[in-house]
């Protein structure tokens, strides 16, 4: 597994080793031992999530104030623009964002540590996103950061208005959002 760091403190872009031939391909999408060796992190995942979305759907930017979740995100069909925002006030990169294109073709994955807001925009006709989390979903602690907050100036590669939930449209700007120490 190849690991790229330097996006934001703690955020990692992972590229698994893929074995392919005329029949197709094979790769381990997750192996706890290999993940720990490649990243230096020994995390326990407790939940797997899977979403399917249409083109121009924007999900996020989500986080849980209590029971914060680390996420290992991958795309199994289609392509997305994946974005994370550092919400840890003690971090040198607090309030900064980074984004990466993830696709079924590239097989790259994004490690999002706890303390970050996470969201994505679907670039292909459809996309299926799967992610492992280090804590359980707790709707009472879920928050949404405003996806188009001018203070963040996220460069979403949008074609018109995104398709979103009302909850996500009403996300809070960074200046008044619940953050982490």
N, C-alpha and C. Protein backbone atom coordinates (compact mmCIF):
# COMPACT_ATOMS: atom_id res chain seq x y z
N UNK A 1 0.85 -1.18 0.00
CA UNK A 1 0.00 0.00 0.00
C UNK A 1 0.89 1.24 0.00
N UNK A 2 0.56 2.17 -0.88
CA UNK A 2 1.28 3.44 -0.93
C UNK A 2 0.46 4.47 -0.18
N UNK A 3 1.16 5.29 0.65
CA UNK A 3 0.48 6.29 1.48
C UNK A 3 1.03 7.67 1.15
N UNK A 4 0.11 8.60 0.91
CA UNK A 4 0.48 9.99 0.66
C UNK A 4 -0.04 10.83 1.82
N UNK A 5 0.87 11.53 2.48
CA UNK A 5 0.47 12.42 3.58
C UNK A 5 0.72 13.85 3.15
N UNK A 6 0.51 14.77 4.04
CA UNK A 6 0.79 16.16 3.73
C UNK A 6 -0.40 16.92 3.20
N UNK A 7 -1.56 16.27 3.11
CA UNK A 7 -2.77 16.97 2.68
C UNK A 7 -3.20 17.94 3.77
N UNK A 8 -3.49 17.43 4.94
CA UNK A 8 -3.73 18.15 6.20
C UNK A 8 -3.24 17.22 7.29
N UNK A 9 -2.92 17.75 8.43
CA UNK A 9 -2.38 16.94 9.53
C UNK A 9 -3.28 15.74 9.83
N UNK A 10 -2.77 14.54 9.58
CA UNK A 10 -3.49 13.32 9.88
C UNK A 10 -4.28 12.73 8.74
N UNK A 11 -4.57 13.50 7.70
CA UNK A 11 -5.33 13.01 6.55
C UNK A 11 -4.37 12.28 5.62
N UNK A 12 -4.78 11.08 5.17
CA UNK A 12 -3.91 10.27 4.32
C UNK A 12 -4.66 9.79 3.09
N UNK A 13 -3.97 9.80 1.95
CA UNK A 13 -4.49 9.24 0.71
C UNK A 13 -3.79 7.90 0.52
N UNK A 14 -4.56 6.83 0.42
CA UNK A 14 -4.02 5.47 0.36
C UNK A 14 -4.26 4.86 -1.00
N UNK A 15 -3.26 4.19 -1.50
CA UNK A 15 -3.40 3.50 -2.79
C UNK A 15 -3.02 2.04 -2.58
N UNK A 16 -4.01 1.14 -2.65
CA UNK A 16 -3.72 -0.27 -2.40
C UNK A 16 -2.95 -0.90 -3.56
N UNK A 17 -2.29 -2.00 -3.27
CA UNK A 17 -1.60 -2.75 -4.31
C UNK A 17 -2.66 -3.59 -5.03
N UNK A 18 -2.75 -3.41 -6.34
CA UNK A 18 -3.76 -4.10 -7.15
C UNK A 18 -3.07 -5.14 -8.02
N UNK A 19 -3.62 -6.33 -8.02
CA UNK A 19 -3.11 -7.42 -8.85
C UNK A 19 -4.11 -7.63 -9.98
N UNK A 20 -3.66 -7.37 -11.20
CA UNK A 20 -4.57 -7.49 -12.33
C UNK A 20 -3.98 -8.32 -13.46
N UNK A 21 -4.86 -8.93 -14.21
CA UNK A 21 -4.48 -9.66 -15.43
C UNK A 21 -5.68 -9.65 -16.37
N UNK A 22 -5.67 -10.52 -17.36
CA UNK A 22 -6.75 -10.51 -18.36
C UNK A 22 -8.10 -10.87 -17.77
N UNK A 23 -8.12 -11.51 -16.61
CA UNK A 23 -9.39 -11.88 -15.97
C UNK A 23 -10.04 -10.73 -15.22
N UNK A 24 -9.23 -9.73 -14.84
CA UNK A 24 -9.73 -8.63 -14.02
C UNK A 24 -8.70 -8.22 -12.99
N UNK A 25 -9.13 -7.97 -11.76
CA UNK A 25 -8.18 -7.54 -10.73
C UNK A 25 -8.61 -8.07 -9.38
N UNK A 26 -7.67 -7.98 -8.43
CA UNK A 26 -7.91 -8.31 -7.03
C UNK A 26 -7.09 -7.36 -6.19
N UNK A 27 -7.67 -6.89 -5.09
CA UNK A 27 -6.90 -6.16 -4.08
C UNK A 27 -7.60 -6.27 -2.73
N UNK A 28 -6.81 -6.13 -1.68
CA UNK A 28 -7.39 -6.07 -0.34
C UNK A 28 -7.80 -4.63 -0.10
N UNK A 29 -9.09 -4.41 0.08
CA UNK A 29 -9.54 -3.05 0.35
C UNK A 29 -9.23 -2.65 1.79
N UNK A 30 -9.12 -3.64 2.67
CA UNK A 30 -8.71 -3.34 4.03
C UNK A 30 -8.11 -4.57 4.67
N UNK A 31 -6.99 -4.35 5.33
CA UNK A 31 -6.31 -5.36 6.12
C UNK A 31 -5.74 -4.60 7.32
N UNK A 32 -6.22 -4.91 8.51
CA UNK A 32 -5.83 -4.13 9.70
C UNK A 32 -4.32 -4.06 9.89
N UNK A 33 -3.65 -5.19 9.72
CA UNK A 33 -2.20 -5.25 9.91
C UNK A 33 -1.48 -4.40 8.86
N UNK A 34 -1.87 -4.54 7.60
CA UNK A 34 -1.24 -3.76 6.52
C UNK A 34 -1.52 -2.27 6.69
N UNK A 35 -2.74 -1.92 7.10
CA UNK A 35 -3.10 -0.52 7.34
C UNK A 35 -2.22 0.06 8.43
N UNK A 36 -2.06 -0.67 9.52
CA UNK A 36 -1.23 -0.20 10.64
C UNK A 36 0.22 -0.05 10.23
N UNK A 37 0.74 -1.00 9.47
CA UNK A 37 2.13 -0.92 9.02
C UNK A 37 2.35 0.27 8.08
N UNK A 38 1.41 0.50 7.20
CA UNK A 38 1.56 1.57 6.20
C UNK A 38 1.33 2.96 6.79
N UNK A 39 0.45 3.07 7.78
CA UNK A 39 0.05 4.39 8.28
C UNK A 39 0.58 4.70 9.68
N UNK A 40 0.97 3.67 10.41
CA UNK A 40 1.36 3.87 11.81
C UNK A 40 0.16 3.99 12.73
N UNK A 41 -1.04 3.70 12.22
CA UNK A 41 -2.28 3.82 12.99
C UNK A 41 -2.86 2.44 13.25
N UNK A 42 -3.25 2.19 14.47
CA UNK A 42 -3.95 0.95 14.80
C UNK A 42 -5.35 1.33 15.25
N UNK A 43 -6.27 1.35 14.32
CA UNK A 43 -7.64 1.78 14.61
C UNK A 43 -8.58 0.58 14.54
N UNK A 44 -9.65 0.69 15.27
CA UNK A 44 -10.68 -0.35 15.23
C UNK A 44 -11.92 0.23 14.56
N UNK A 45 -12.32 -0.40 13.48
CA UNK A 45 -13.53 0.02 12.79
C UNK A 45 -14.72 -0.75 13.36
N UNK A 46 -15.84 -0.03 13.57
CA UNK A 46 -17.01 -0.65 14.19
C UNK A 46 -18.25 -0.63 13.30
N UNK A 47 -18.17 0.08 12.17
CA UNK A 47 -19.35 0.20 11.32
C UNK A 47 -18.90 0.42 9.89
N UNK A 48 -19.60 -0.20 8.94
CA UNK A 48 -19.40 0.03 7.51
C UNK A 48 -20.65 0.70 6.95
N UNK A 49 -20.45 1.72 6.12
CA UNK A 49 -21.56 2.44 5.49
C UNK A 49 -21.40 2.38 3.98
N UNK A 50 -22.51 2.41 3.27
CA UNK A 50 -22.51 2.32 1.82
C UNK A 50 -23.62 3.25 1.30
N UNK A 51 -23.26 4.19 0.43
CA UNK A 51 -24.27 5.08 -0.15
C UNK A 51 -24.17 5.03 -1.67
N UNK A 52 -25.28 5.26 -2.31
CA UNK A 52 -25.33 5.41 -3.77
C UNK A 52 -25.98 6.76 -4.02
N UNK A 53 -25.36 7.55 -4.90
CA UNK A 53 -25.86 8.90 -5.18
C UNK A 53 -25.75 9.18 -6.66
N UNK A 54 -26.58 10.11 -7.12
CA UNK A 54 -26.58 10.54 -8.52
C UNK A 54 -25.62 11.70 -8.72
N UNK A 55 -25.36 12.00 -9.98
CA UNK A 55 -24.48 13.11 -10.35
C UNK A 55 -24.95 14.41 -9.69
N UNK A 56 -23.99 15.17 -9.20
CA UNK A 56 -24.20 16.48 -8.60
C UNK A 56 -24.82 16.43 -7.21
N UNK A 57 -24.92 15.23 -6.63
CA UNK A 57 -25.35 15.14 -5.23
C UNK A 57 -24.16 15.53 -4.37
N UNK A 58 -24.41 16.41 -3.42
CA UNK A 58 -23.40 16.81 -2.45
C UNK A 58 -23.87 16.35 -1.09
N UNK A 59 -23.08 15.51 -0.45
CA UNK A 59 -23.38 15.02 0.90
C UNK A 59 -22.36 15.62 1.86
N UNK A 60 -22.85 16.28 2.89
CA UNK A 60 -21.92 16.82 3.88
C UNK A 60 -22.04 18.33 3.97
N UNK A 61 -21.21 18.84 4.73
CA UNK A 61 -20.01 18.33 5.40
C UNK A 61 -20.40 17.85 6.79
N UNK A 62 -20.29 16.56 7.06
CA UNK A 62 -20.79 15.96 8.29
C UNK A 62 -19.67 15.65 9.29
N UNK A 63 -20.05 15.70 10.55
CA UNK A 63 -19.18 15.25 11.63
C UNK A 63 -20.03 15.02 12.87
N UNK A 64 -19.49 14.33 13.84
CA UNK A 64 -20.17 14.11 15.11
C UNK A 64 -19.38 14.79 16.21
N UNK A 65 -20.02 15.68 16.92
CA UNK A 65 -19.34 16.43 17.99
C UNK A 65 -18.93 15.52 19.13
N UNK A 66 -19.83 14.63 19.54
CA UNK A 66 -19.49 13.57 20.49
C UNK A 66 -19.45 12.29 19.68
N UNK A 67 -18.70 11.33 20.15
CA UNK A 67 -18.47 10.10 19.39
C UNK A 67 -17.92 10.42 17.99
N UNK A 68 -16.88 11.25 17.91
CA UNK A 68 -16.33 11.58 16.59
C UNK A 68 -15.83 10.33 15.89
N UNK A 69 -15.98 10.33 14.57
CA UNK A 69 -15.64 9.16 13.78
C UNK A 69 -14.42 9.40 12.90
N UNK A 70 -13.47 8.48 12.95
CA UNK A 70 -12.47 8.39 11.91
C UNK A 70 -13.12 7.60 10.78
N UNK A 71 -12.78 7.93 9.53
CA UNK A 71 -13.41 7.26 8.39
C UNK A 71 -12.36 6.84 7.36
N UNK A 72 -12.52 5.64 6.83
CA UNK A 72 -11.72 5.18 5.71
C UNK A 72 -12.68 5.08 4.52
N UNK A 73 -12.53 6.02 3.57
CA UNK A 73 -13.50 6.22 2.50
C UNK A 73 -12.96 5.66 1.18
N UNK A 74 -13.82 4.95 0.44
CA UNK A 74 -13.45 4.47 -0.89
C UNK A 74 -14.68 4.48 -1.79
N UNK A 75 -14.45 4.49 -3.08
CA UNK A 75 -15.52 4.50 -4.07
C UNK A 75 -15.48 3.17 -4.81
N UNK A 76 -16.63 2.51 -4.89
CA UNK A 76 -16.70 1.21 -5.57
C UNK A 76 -17.39 1.30 -6.93
N UNK A 77 -18.01 2.43 -7.22
CA UNK A 77 -18.60 2.68 -8.53
C UNK A 77 -18.63 4.18 -8.75
N UNK A 78 -18.15 4.62 -9.90
CA UNK A 78 -18.19 6.04 -10.23
C UNK A 78 -17.02 6.84 -9.68
N UNK A 79 -17.27 8.16 -9.49
CA UNK A 79 -16.20 9.08 -9.11
C UNK A 79 -16.79 10.20 -8.26
N UNK A 80 -16.02 10.62 -7.24
CA UNK A 80 -16.44 11.72 -6.36
C UNK A 80 -15.28 12.69 -6.14
N UNK A 81 -15.63 13.90 -5.71
CA UNK A 81 -14.68 14.86 -5.17
C UNK A 81 -14.91 14.82 -3.67
N UNK A 82 -13.94 14.30 -2.93
CA UNK A 82 -14.05 14.08 -1.50
C UNK A 82 -13.35 15.21 -0.76
N UNK A 83 -14.01 15.78 0.24
CA UNK A 83 -13.50 16.96 0.95
C UNK A 83 -13.52 16.73 2.45
N UNK A 84 -12.46 17.20 3.12
CA UNK A 84 -12.41 17.18 4.57
C UNK A 84 -11.99 18.57 5.07
N UNK A 85 -12.51 18.95 6.23
CA UNK A 85 -12.19 20.23 6.86
C UNK A 85 -11.73 19.94 8.29
N UNK A 86 -10.59 20.48 8.66
CA UNK A 86 -10.04 20.29 10.00
C UNK A 86 -10.80 21.16 10.99
N UNK A 87 -11.45 20.51 11.97
CA UNK A 87 -12.23 21.23 12.99
C UNK A 87 -11.58 21.15 14.37
N UNK A 88 -10.31 20.79 14.43
CA UNK A 88 -9.58 20.68 15.70
C UNK A 88 -8.89 22.02 15.98
N UNK A 89 -9.41 22.77 16.94
CA UNK A 89 -8.87 24.10 17.24
C UNK A 89 -7.39 24.07 17.62
N UNK A 90 -6.92 22.97 18.18
CA UNK A 90 -5.51 22.87 18.57
C UNK A 90 -4.59 22.55 17.39
N UNK A 91 -5.16 22.30 16.23
CA UNK A 91 -4.37 21.92 15.06
C UNK A 91 -3.88 23.16 14.30
N UNK A 92 -2.68 23.07 13.76
CA UNK A 92 -2.14 24.16 12.93
C UNK A 92 -2.95 24.33 11.65
N UNK A 93 -3.70 23.29 11.25
CA UNK A 93 -4.50 23.38 10.02
C UNK A 93 -5.99 23.58 10.31
N UNK A 94 -6.33 24.06 11.52
CA UNK A 94 -7.73 24.31 11.87
C UNK A 94 -8.38 25.22 10.82
N UNK A 95 -9.56 24.83 10.37
CA UNK A 95 -10.32 25.64 9.42
C UNK A 95 -9.87 25.49 7.98
N UNK A 96 -8.86 24.68 7.73
CA UNK A 96 -8.40 24.46 6.35
C UNK A 96 -9.05 23.19 5.80
N UNK A 97 -9.13 23.12 4.49
CA UNK A 97 -9.73 21.96 3.84
C UNK A 97 -8.76 21.38 2.82
N UNK A 98 -9.03 20.15 2.46
CA UNK A 98 -8.34 19.52 1.34
C UNK A 98 -9.35 18.63 0.63
N UNK A 99 -9.08 18.38 -0.63
CA UNK A 99 -9.96 17.52 -1.41
C UNK A 99 -9.16 16.58 -2.28
N UNK A 100 -9.79 15.47 -2.64
CA UNK A 100 -9.15 14.49 -3.51
C UNK A 100 -10.23 13.81 -4.35
N UNK A 101 -9.88 13.49 -5.56
CA UNK A 101 -10.78 12.72 -6.41
C UNK A 101 -10.59 11.25 -6.07
N UNK A 102 -11.68 10.60 -5.74
CA UNK A 102 -11.68 9.16 -5.50
C UNK A 102 -12.59 8.52 -6.52
N UNK A 103 -12.17 7.37 -7.05
CA UNK A 103 -12.99 6.69 -8.04
C UNK A 103 -12.81 5.19 -7.95
N UNK A 104 -13.75 4.48 -8.53
CA UNK A 104 -13.65 3.03 -8.59
C UNK A 104 -12.43 2.64 -9.43
N UNK A 105 -12.12 3.41 -10.45
CA UNK A 105 -10.97 3.10 -11.31
C UNK A 105 -9.64 3.29 -10.61
N UNK A 106 -9.50 4.36 -9.82
CA UNK A 106 -8.22 4.61 -9.15
C UNK A 106 -8.03 3.74 -7.91
N UNK A 107 -9.16 3.34 -7.29
CA UNK A 107 -9.16 2.51 -6.08
C UNK A 107 -8.49 3.19 -4.88
N UNK A 108 -8.19 4.49 -5.01
CA UNK A 108 -7.59 5.21 -3.89
C UNK A 108 -8.62 5.37 -2.77
N UNK A 109 -8.11 5.45 -1.54
CA UNK A 109 -8.95 5.62 -0.36
C UNK A 109 -8.46 6.83 0.42
N UNK A 110 -9.34 7.43 1.19
CA UNK A 110 -8.97 8.57 2.01
C UNK A 110 -9.21 8.23 3.47
N UNK A 111 -8.16 8.41 4.30
CA UNK A 111 -8.29 8.28 5.75
C UNK A 111 -8.61 9.66 6.30
N UNK A 112 -9.75 9.76 6.96
CA UNK A 112 -10.22 11.00 7.58
C UNK A 112 -10.21 10.79 9.09
N UNK A 113 -9.29 11.43 9.81
CA UNK A 113 -9.26 11.24 11.27
C UNK A 113 -10.47 11.86 11.96
N UNK A 114 -10.74 11.42 13.17
CA UNK A 114 -11.78 12.06 13.98
C UNK A 114 -11.39 13.53 14.16
N UNK A 115 -12.39 14.40 14.21
CA UNK A 115 -12.13 15.83 14.37
C UNK A 115 -12.21 16.59 13.06
N UNK A 116 -12.60 15.92 11.99
CA UNK A 116 -12.74 16.54 10.68
C UNK A 116 -14.19 16.45 10.21
N UNK A 117 -14.66 17.46 9.50
CA UNK A 117 -15.92 17.36 8.78
C UNK A 117 -15.61 16.70 7.44
N UNK A 118 -16.56 15.93 6.93
CA UNK A 118 -16.34 15.18 5.69
C UNK A 118 -17.56 15.30 4.78
N UNK A 119 -17.30 15.45 3.49
CA UNK A 119 -18.38 15.47 2.52
C UNK A 119 -17.85 15.15 1.14
N UNK A 120 -18.78 14.93 0.21
CA UNK A 120 -18.35 14.64 -1.16
C UNK A 120 -19.39 15.08 -2.17
N UNK A 121 -18.91 15.30 -3.38
CA UNK A 121 -19.73 15.66 -4.53
C UNK A 121 -19.57 14.58 -5.58
N UNK A 122 -20.70 14.07 -6.10
CA UNK A 122 -20.64 13.03 -7.12
C UNK A 122 -20.36 13.66 -8.48
N UNK A 123 -19.30 13.18 -9.12
CA UNK A 123 -18.87 13.70 -10.43
C UNK A 123 -19.38 12.86 -11.60
N UNK A 124 -19.59 11.58 -11.37
CA UNK A 124 -20.05 10.66 -12.42
C UNK A 124 -21.58 10.59 -12.40
N UNK A 125 -22.16 9.84 -13.33
CA UNK A 125 -23.63 9.71 -13.38
C UNK A 125 -24.19 9.16 -12.07
N UNK A 126 -23.48 8.22 -11.47
CA UNK A 126 -23.79 7.66 -10.16
C UNK A 126 -22.48 7.33 -9.48
N UNK A 127 -22.52 7.25 -8.18
CA UNK A 127 -21.34 6.81 -7.43
C UNK A 127 -21.79 6.03 -6.21
N UNK A 128 -21.02 5.00 -5.90
CA UNK A 128 -21.24 4.26 -4.68
C UNK A 128 -20.02 4.47 -3.79
N UNK A 129 -20.28 4.95 -2.59
CA UNK A 129 -19.22 5.28 -1.64
C UNK A 129 -19.38 4.35 -0.44
N UNK A 130 -18.27 3.76 -0.04
CA UNK A 130 -18.26 2.90 1.13
C UNK A 130 -17.22 3.43 2.10
N UNK A 131 -17.58 3.44 3.37
CA UNK A 131 -16.59 3.89 4.35
C UNK A 131 -16.78 3.17 5.67
N UNK A 132 -15.63 2.91 6.28
CA UNK A 132 -15.57 2.30 7.60
C UNK A 132 -15.46 3.44 8.61
N UNK A 133 -16.07 3.25 9.79
CA UNK A 133 -15.98 4.28 10.83
C UNK A 133 -15.46 3.69 12.13
N UNK A 134 -14.80 4.54 12.90
CA UNK A 134 -14.21 4.12 14.18
C UNK A 134 -15.17 4.27 15.34
N UNK A 135 -16.33 4.87 15.12
CA UNK A 135 -17.36 4.94 16.15
C UNK A 135 -18.72 4.84 15.47
N UNK A 136 -19.73 4.54 16.25
CA UNK A 136 -21.06 4.34 15.70
C UNK A 136 -21.74 5.66 15.35
N UNK A 137 -22.65 5.59 14.39
CA UNK A 137 -23.45 6.75 14.03
C UNK A 137 -24.31 7.15 15.22
N UNK A 138 -24.27 8.41 15.57
CA UNK A 138 -25.03 8.95 16.69
C UNK A 138 -25.75 10.21 16.19
N UNK A 139 -26.97 10.07 15.68
CA UNK A 139 -27.66 11.22 15.07
C UNK A 139 -27.82 12.41 16.00
N UNK A 140 -27.92 12.16 17.30
CA UNK A 140 -28.07 13.27 18.25
C UNK A 140 -26.81 14.12 18.36
N UNK A 141 -25.67 13.59 17.90
CA UNK A 141 -24.41 14.32 17.95
C UNK A 141 -23.94 14.78 16.57
N UNK A 142 -24.70 14.45 15.53
CA UNK A 142 -24.29 14.81 14.18
C UNK A 142 -24.45 16.32 13.94
N UNK A 143 -23.49 16.87 13.24
CA UNK A 143 -23.52 18.29 12.88
C UNK A 143 -23.21 18.39 11.38
N UNK A 144 -23.61 19.50 10.79
CA UNK A 144 -23.28 19.80 9.40
C UNK A 144 -22.60 21.15 9.32
N UNK A 145 -21.45 21.16 8.71
CA UNK A 145 -20.72 22.40 8.43
C UNK A 145 -21.22 22.92 7.08
N UNK A 146 -21.40 24.22 6.96
CA UNK A 146 -21.93 24.81 5.74
C UNK A 146 -20.99 24.55 4.56
N UNK A 147 -21.48 23.85 3.57
CA UNK A 147 -20.67 23.40 2.43
C UNK A 147 -20.09 24.56 1.63
N UNK A 148 -20.78 25.69 1.60
CA UNK A 148 -20.31 26.83 0.79
C UNK A 148 -19.95 28.04 1.64
N UNK A 149 -19.49 27.81 2.86
CA UNK A 149 -19.06 28.87 3.75
C UNK A 149 -17.94 29.67 3.08
N UNK A 150 -18.12 30.98 2.86
CA UNK A 150 -17.07 31.79 2.22
C UNK A 150 -15.75 31.77 2.99
N UNK A 151 -15.80 31.57 4.30
CA UNK A 151 -14.57 31.52 5.09
C UNK A 151 -13.74 30.29 4.73
N UNK A 152 -14.38 29.23 4.28
CA UNK A 152 -13.66 28.02 3.89
C UNK A 152 -13.21 28.08 2.43
N UNK A 153 -14.04 28.68 1.58
CA UNK A 153 -13.74 28.82 0.14
C UNK A 153 -13.37 27.48 -0.50
N UNK A 154 -14.20 26.47 -0.27
CA UNK A 154 -13.96 25.15 -0.87
C UNK A 154 -14.24 25.22 -2.36
N UNK A 155 -13.33 24.70 -3.14
CA UNK A 155 -13.46 24.70 -4.61
C UNK A 155 -14.21 23.44 -5.06
N UNK A 156 -15.52 23.47 -4.95
CA UNK A 156 -16.32 22.34 -5.41
C UNK A 156 -16.42 22.39 -6.93
N UNK A 157 -16.14 21.31 -7.63
CA UNK A 157 -16.25 21.30 -9.10
C UNK A 157 -17.71 21.08 -9.53
N UNK A 158 -18.54 22.06 -9.26
CA UNK A 158 -19.98 21.96 -9.48
C UNK A 158 -20.39 22.31 -10.90
N UNK A 159 -21.43 21.62 -11.35
CA UNK A 159 -22.09 21.96 -12.60
C UNK A 159 -23.51 22.39 -12.22
N UNK A 160 -23.67 23.66 -11.84
CA UNK A 160 -24.97 24.15 -11.38
C UNK A 160 -25.14 23.98 -9.89
N UNK A 161 -26.38 23.98 -9.43
CA UNK A 161 -26.68 23.83 -8.01
C UNK A 161 -26.57 22.36 -7.61
N UNK A 162 -25.98 22.07 -6.45
CA UNK A 162 -25.90 20.68 -6.01
C UNK A 162 -27.25 20.18 -5.51
N UNK A 163 -27.44 18.87 -5.56
CA UNK A 163 -28.60 18.23 -4.98
C UNK A 163 -28.23 17.86 -3.54
N UNK A 164 -29.00 18.36 -2.56
CA UNK A 164 -28.65 18.17 -1.16
C UNK A 164 -29.90 18.06 -0.30
N UNK A 165 -29.69 17.61 0.92
CA UNK A 165 -30.77 17.60 1.90
C UNK A 165 -30.91 19.01 2.48
N UNK A 166 -32.08 19.29 3.03
CA UNK A 166 -32.28 20.57 3.71
C UNK A 166 -31.33 20.72 4.88
N UNK A 167 -31.11 19.62 5.58
CA UNK A 167 -30.19 19.63 6.74
C UNK A 167 -28.80 20.11 6.31
N UNK A 168 -28.31 19.61 5.18
CA UNK A 168 -26.99 20.01 4.72
C UNK A 168 -26.98 21.46 4.22
N UNK A 169 -28.06 21.88 3.61
CA UNK A 169 -28.15 23.28 3.16
C UNK A 169 -28.11 24.25 4.35
N UNK A 170 -28.59 23.79 5.50
CA UNK A 170 -28.62 24.63 6.70
C UNK A 170 -27.41 24.42 7.60
N UNK A 171 -26.34 23.85 7.07
CA UNK A 171 -25.14 23.66 7.87
C UNK A 171 -24.66 24.99 8.45
N UNK A 172 -23.88 24.91 9.50
CA UNK A 172 -23.40 26.13 10.16
C UNK A 172 -22.05 26.56 9.59
N UNK A 173 -21.84 27.87 9.45
CA UNK A 173 -20.52 28.36 9.05
C UNK A 173 -19.49 28.03 10.13
N UNK A 174 -18.25 27.94 9.73
CA UNK A 174 -17.16 27.61 10.65
C UNK A 174 -17.15 28.53 11.87
N UNK A 175 -17.43 29.80 11.69
CA UNK A 175 -17.34 30.79 12.77
C UNK A 175 -18.26 30.46 13.95
N UNK A 176 -19.37 29.73 13.69
CA UNK A 176 -20.31 29.42 14.77
C UNK A 176 -20.52 27.91 14.94
N UNK A 177 -19.78 27.11 14.21
CA UNK A 177 -19.94 25.65 14.28
C UNK A 177 -19.35 25.10 15.57
N UNK A 178 -19.92 23.99 16.03
CA UNK A 178 -19.33 23.25 17.14
C UNK A 178 -18.05 22.62 16.61
N UNK A 179 -16.95 22.85 17.32
CA UNK A 179 -15.66 22.33 16.88
C UNK A 179 -15.05 21.49 18.00
N UNK A 180 -13.83 21.04 17.79
CA UNK A 180 -13.10 20.21 18.76
C UNK A 180 -11.96 21.01 19.37
N UNK A 181 -11.53 20.63 20.56
CA UNK A 181 -10.40 21.31 21.21
C UNK A 181 -9.10 21.04 20.48
